[in-house]
Structure formats: C-alpha cells, structure tokens
Amino acid sequence: MSAETRDIRDSRERAWDCYWTEVHKQGDGRPGGFTRWALPFLRASSSRSVLDLGCGAGRDLYFLLERGFSVTGIDSSLAAVGLVEKAVARLPGDGDTPLKRHM
C-alpha cells in the first residue's frame, strides 16, 4: 500500500471515529426498527447467536444481549468498538461478548 493510500485510509478512519463519537453522544440508545421487528423471529429460532455487522455504538447489540442472545459485534470504527466494550463491561454476565474491529 502506498503512503498516499495509507494517508487517505487513516483520514477516513479518523473521520468515521469522530462521527461515531458524536452519534453516541446524541443517540437515545434504543434499538433500530429492524432489530425490534426481527426479535420474534430470532426468539423462534433454535440459535441464540447473533452477528451484528456494523454494530456502531452497540444499541442493537445491547438490546439483544439483555434478551439472552450471544452477540458478536463487528465494526470498522475503533471509537465505536471502544464505546461498546466499555458499556458491555458494565452489563451483568460473563463479559464474554466478542467485539471485533474489521476493515
């Protein structure tokens, strides 16, 4: 990867991290509409594992954890994953929710 490409990627990542920090400050913490809609289907499934792609600040992830699901969260933003890690650490349970930063 060239230095120019790396600089562009790093700049994009910093902008995205700033965005997620602001979204988290302004968010109401409620899960998204799709997650609320999907909950009955998830409950009817024999699986209790959910993959949250683009977990952001974790609003859907928390919602599902609180309802007994095992959730793996993936996001490209280090800031978002950091916010989720701090919040998940405060939740009751084993603290074993896998979080990944993925590019």
C-alpha atoms as a PDB file:
ATOM      1  CA  MET A   1       0.000   0.000   0.000  1.00  0.00           C
ATOM      2  CA  SER A   2       1.370   3.394  -0.951  1.00  0.00           C
ATOM      3  CA  ALA A   3       1.867   6.167   1.604  1.00  0.00           C
ATOM      4  CA  GLU A   4      -0.826   8.230  -0.133  1.00  0.00           C
ATOM      5  CA  THR A   5      -3.351   5.388   0.071  1.00  0.00           C
ATOM      6  CA  ARG A   6      -2.489   4.828   3.727  1.00  0.00           C
ATOM      7  CA  ASP A   7      -2.968   8.553   4.479  1.00  0.00           C
ATOM      8  CA  ILE A   8      -6.378   8.539   2.788  1.00  0.00           C
ATOM      9  CA  ARG A   9      -7.435   5.429   4.723  1.00  0.00           C
ATOM     10  CA  ASP A  10      -6.202   6.891   8.022  1.00  0.00           C
ATOM     11  CA  SER A  11      -8.032  10.159   7.358  1.00  0.00           C
ATOM     12  CA  ARG A  12     -11.236   8.270   6.550  1.00  0.00           C
ATOM     13  CA  GLU A  13     -10.926   6.212   9.745  1.00  0.00           C
ATOM     14  CA  ARG A  14     -10.412   9.330  11.890  1.00  0.00           C
ATOM     15  CA  ALA A  15     -13.482  10.983  10.340  1.00  0.00           C
ATOM     16  CA  TRP A  16     -15.580   7.862  10.914  1.00  0.00           C
ATOM     17  CA  ASP A  17     -14.413   7.596  14.540  1.00  0.00           C
ATOM     18  CA  CYS A  18     -15.354  11.251  15.152  1.00  0.00           C
ATOM     19  CA  TYR A  19     -18.754  10.608  13.584  1.00  0.00           C
ATOM     20  CA  TRP A  20     -19.453   7.614  15.843  1.00  0.00           C
ATOM     21  CA  THR A  21     -18.387   9.518  18.931  1.00  0.00           C
ATOM     22  CA  GLU A  22     -20.949  12.218  18.085  1.00  0.00           C
ATOM     23  CA  VAL A  23     -23.670   9.693  17.202  1.00  0.00           C
ATOM     24  CA  HIS A  24     -23.184   8.008  20.562  1.00  0.00           C
ATOM     25  CA  LYS A  25     -23.478  11.329  22.414  1.00  0.00           C
ATOM     26  CA  GLN A  26     -26.734  12.165  20.618  1.00  0.00           C
ATOM     27  CA  GLY A  27     -28.259   8.705  20.485  1.00  0.00           C
ATOM     28  CA  ASP A  28     -31.186   7.631  22.568  1.00  0.00           C
ATOM     29  CA  GLY A  29     -29.827   4.108  22.953  1.00  0.00           C
ATOM     30  CA  ARG A  30     -32.953   2.431  21.611  1.00  0.00           C
ATOM     31  CA  PRO A  31     -32.508  -0.423  19.151  1.00  0.00           C
ATOM     32  CA  GLY A  32     -33.172   0.099  15.483  1.00  0.00           C
ATOM     33  CA  GLY A  33     -36.526  -0.695  13.946  1.00  0.00           C
ATOM     34  CA  PHE A  34     -35.234  -3.735  12.103  1.00  0.00           C
ATOM     35  CA  THR A  35     -33.904  -5.312  15.298  1.00  0.00           C
ATOM     36  CA  ARG A  36     -37.212  -4.759  17.104  1.00  0.00           C
ATOM     37  CA  TRP A  37     -39.049  -6.221  14.094  1.00  0.00           C
ATOM     38  CA  ALA A  38     -36.700  -9.235  13.896  1.00  0.00           C
ATOM     39  CA  LEU A  39     -36.849 -10.104  17.614  1.00  0.00           C
ATOM     40  CA  PRO A  40     -39.830 -12.516  17.377  1.00  0.00           C
ATOM     41  CA  PHE A  41     -38.096 -14.375  14.544  1.00  0.00           C
ATOM     42  CA  LEU A  42     -34.839 -14.551  16.494  1.00  0.00           C
ATOM     43  CA  ARG A  43     -36.698 -15.871  19.543  1.00  0.00           C
ATOM     44  CA  ALA A  44     -38.428 -18.521  17.406  1.00  0.00           C
ATOM     45  CA  SER A  45     -35.056 -19.708  16.087  1.00  0.00           C
ATOM     46  CA  SER A  46     -33.187 -22.544  17.789  1.00  0.00           C
ATOM     47  CA  SER A  47     -29.998 -20.458  17.690  1.00  0.00           C
ATOM     48  CA  ARG A  48     -29.206 -17.912  20.381  1.00  0.00           C
ATOM     49  CA  SER A  49     -26.221 -16.454  18.480  1.00  0.00           C
ATOM     50  CA  VAL A  50     -26.394 -13.187  16.540  1.00  0.00           C
ATOM     51  CA  LEU A  51     -23.775 -11.445  14.413  1.00  0.00           C
ATOM     52  CA  ASP A  52     -24.136  -7.651  14.481  1.00  0.00           C
ATOM     53  CA  LEU A  53     -22.314  -6.379  11.393  1.00  0.00           C
ATOM     54  CA  GLY A  54     -21.619  -2.668  11.689  1.00  0.00           C
ATOM     55  CA  CYS A  55     -22.522  -2.671  15.386  1.00  0.00           C
ATOM     56  CA  GLY A  56     -21.648   1.011  15.758  1.00  0.00           C
ATOM     57  CA  ALA A  57     -22.161   2.228  19.308  1.00  0.00           C
ATOM     58  CA  GLY A  58     -23.981  -1.021  20.140  1.00  0.00           C
ATOM     59  CA  ARG A  59     -27.646  -0.110  20.518  1.00  0.00           C
ATOM     60  CA  ASP A  60     -28.855  -3.321  18.827  1.00  0.00           C
ATOM     61  CA  LEU A  61     -26.109  -5.368  20.450  1.00  0.00           C
ATOM     62  CA  TYR A  62     -27.162  -4.293  23.988  1.00  0.00           C
ATOM     63  CA  PHE A  63     -30.826  -4.882  23.212  1.00  0.00           C
ATOM     64  CA  LEU A  64     -30.110  -8.460  22.135  1.00  0.00           C
ATOM     65  CA  LEU A  65     -27.695  -9.179  24.998  1.00  0.00           C
ATOM     66  CA  GLU A  66     -30.319  -8.065  27.508  1.00  0.00           C
ATOM     67  CA  ARG A  67     -32.715 -10.571  25.939  1.00  0.00           C
ATOM     68  CA  GLY A  68     -30.362 -13.511  26.364  1.00  0.00           C
ATOM     69  CA  PHE A  69     -28.679 -13.692  22.970  1.00  0.00           C
ATOM     70  CA  SER A  70     -24.983 -14.271  22.453  1.00  0.00           C
ATOM     71  CA  VAL A  71     -23.923 -11.379  20.207  1.00  0.00           C
ATOM     72  CA  THR A  72     -20.733 -10.842  18.231  1.00  0.00           C
ATOM     73  CA  GLY A  73     -20.282  -7.222  17.163  1.00  0.00           C
ATOM     74  CA  ILE A  74     -18.102  -6.087  14.258  1.00  0.00           C
ATOM     75  CA  ASP A  75     -17.401  -2.504  13.220  1.00  0.00           C
ATOM     76  CA  SER A  76     -14.677  -0.665  11.314  1.00  0.00           C
ATOM     77  CA  SER A  77     -14.613   2.209  13.823  1.00  0.00           C
ATOM     78  CA  LEU A  78     -12.223   1.895  16.744  1.00  0.00           C
ATOM     79  CA  ALA A  79     -14.206   4.592  18.549  1.00  0.00           C
ATOM     80  CA  ALA A  80     -17.456   2.654  18.166  1.00  0.00           C
ATOM     81  CA  VAL A  81     -15.927  -0.634  19.317  1.00  0.00           C
ATOM     82  CA  GLY A  82     -14.360   1.189  22.284  1.00  0.00           C
ATOM     83  CA  LEU A  83     -17.754   2.591  23.322  1.00  0.00           C
ATOM     84  CA  VAL A  84     -19.321  -0.858  23.089  1.00  0.00           C
ATOM     85  CA  GLU A  85     -16.500  -2.511  25.047  1.00  0.00           C
ATOM     86  CA  LYS A  86     -16.912  -0.030  27.918  1.00  0.00           C
ATOM     87  CA  ALA A  87     -20.681  -0.429  28.031  1.00  0.00           C
ATOM     88  CA  VAL A  88     -20.614  -4.238  27.765  1.00  0.00           C
ATOM     89  CA  ALA A  89     -18.127  -4.394  30.642  1.00  0.00           C
ATOM     90  CA  ARG A  90     -20.796  -2.765  32.849  1.00  0.00           C
ATOM     91  CA  LEU A  91     -23.508  -5.283  31.913  1.00  0.00           C
ATOM     92  CA  PRO A  92     -24.191  -8.201  34.242  1.00  0.00           C
ATOM     93  CA  GLY A  93     -22.927 -11.529  32.936  1.00  0.00           C
ATOM     94  CA  ASP A  94     -19.665 -13.126  31.998  1.00  0.00           C
ATOM     95  CA  GLY A  95     -18.351 -10.192  29.930  1.00  0.00           C
ATOM     96  CA  ASP A  96     -17.530 -12.575  27.103  1.00  0.00           C
ATOM     97  CA  THR A  97     -19.180 -10.707  24.218  1.00  0.00           C
ATOM     98  CA  PRO A  98     -16.761 -10.812  21.288  1.00  0.00           C
ATOM     99  CA  LEU A  99     -16.126  -7.448  19.650  1.00  0.00           C
ATOM    100  CA  LYS A 100     -14.039  -7.022  16.548  1.00  0.00           C
ATOM    101  CA  ARG A 101     -12.672  -4.151  14.562  1.00  0.00           C
ATOM    102  CA  HIS A 102     -12.734  -5.228  10.951  1.00  0.00           C
ATOM    103  CA  MET A 103     -11.623  -3.377   7.861  1.00  0.00           C
END
